[in-house]
Structure formats: C-alpha cells, structure tokens
C-alpha cells in the first residue's frame, strides 16, 4: 500500500503520522499542495521558506 503523506499546519512538515513529530499534539492534514525537499538549511530556498531543519515540507496546507 502506498504511503499517504500529511502536513502539519504550523511547520508544514510532511509525515505519514497522524500527529506532527515536531509539534506533538498538532494533528496533520491530508489536504496540502506541492512539496520541498530541504537538505541544506542554508540554501536560499530554505531561508526564503523559513525552514531550519532538513526534511520534506508542503508548500501550502489547506485548513
């Protein structure tokens, strides 16, 4: 079965879990659009998106 990624509304981190691994009790949402894979937090894209940890992030999360 394929993995279903969900996004945290606060940090936009993508995960397969029902709660955000960073924000503990924040429920993740399956309704998100686009994604970024950040390996270097010093890159211009990471800085513009205000991302401070490597990972996979949604571009937009719908409430």
Protein backbone atom coordinates (compact mmCIF):
# COMPACT_ATOMS: atom_id res chain seq x y z
CA UNK A 1 0.00 0.00 0.00
CA UNK A 2 1.28 3.49 -0.86
CA UNK A 3 2.25 5.90 1.91
CA UNK A 4 -0.12 8.81 2.43
CA UNK A 5 1.70 11.95 3.47
CA UNK A 6 0.01 14.53 5.68
CA UNK A 7 1.22 18.03 6.59
CA UNK A 8 1.40 19.95 9.85
CA UNK A 9 -0.43 23.30 9.60
CA UNK A 10 2.20 25.00 11.79
CA UNK A 11 5.55 23.91 10.32
CA UNK A 12 4.31 22.32 7.04
CA UNK A 13 6.49 19.23 7.62
CA UNK A 14 5.24 16.16 5.74
CA UNK A 15 4.83 12.90 7.62
CA UNK A 16 2.87 9.67 7.45
CA UNK A 17 1.86 10.05 11.10
CA UNK A 18 -1.46 11.45 12.37
CA UNK A 19 0.30 14.00 14.58
CA UNK A 20 3.26 16.26 13.83
CA UNK A 21 6.57 14.82 15.13
CA UNK A 22 7.74 18.36 15.98
CA UNK A 23 4.57 19.87 17.47
CA UNK A 24 3.36 16.81 19.37
CA UNK A 25 -0.39 17.28 19.63
CA UNK A 26 -0.93 19.13 16.33
CA UNK A 27 -2.97 16.90 14.00
CA UNK A 28 -1.69 16.59 10.45
CA UNK A 29 -3.87 17.34 7.42
CA UNK A 30 -4.05 15.31 4.20
CA UNK A 31 -5.03 18.40 2.15
CA UNK A 32 -1.74 20.02 1.05
CA UNK A 33 -0.22 21.23 -2.22
CA UNK A 34 3.34 20.91 -3.58
CA UNK A 35 6.44 20.00 -1.63
CA UNK A 36 10.06 20.95 -0.99
CA UNK A 37 12.88 18.60 -0.06
CA UNK A 38 15.37 20.53 2.04
CA UNK A 39 18.85 19.05 2.53
CA UNK A 40 20.77 22.28 3.17
CA UNK A 41 19.08 24.68 5.58
CA UNK A 42 21.47 27.43 4.45
CA UNK A 43 20.12 27.36 0.88
CA UNK A 44 18.22 30.36 -0.46
CA UNK A 45 15.02 28.31 -0.78
CA UNK A 46 15.18 27.13 2.84
CA UNK A 47 15.84 30.65 4.05
CA UNK A 48 13.00 32.12 1.97
CA UNK A 49 10.60 29.42 3.26
CA UNK A 50 11.92 29.96 6.83
CA UNK A 51 12.87 26.27 7.18
CA UNK A 52 15.51 25.50 9.81
CA UNK A 53 15.65 21.68 9.74
CA UNK A 54 16.25 19.29 6.82
CA UNK A 55 13.18 17.36 5.69
CA UNK A 56 10.19 17.26 3.38
CA UNK A 57 7.79 20.21 3.58
CA UNK A 58 4.47 21.14 1.96
CA UNK A 59 4.32 24.41 0.07
CA UNK A 60 0.70 25.05 1.09
CA UNK A 61 -1.50 23.35 3.69
CA UNK A 62 -5.25 23.88 3.48
CA UNK A 63 -7.10 24.14 6.78
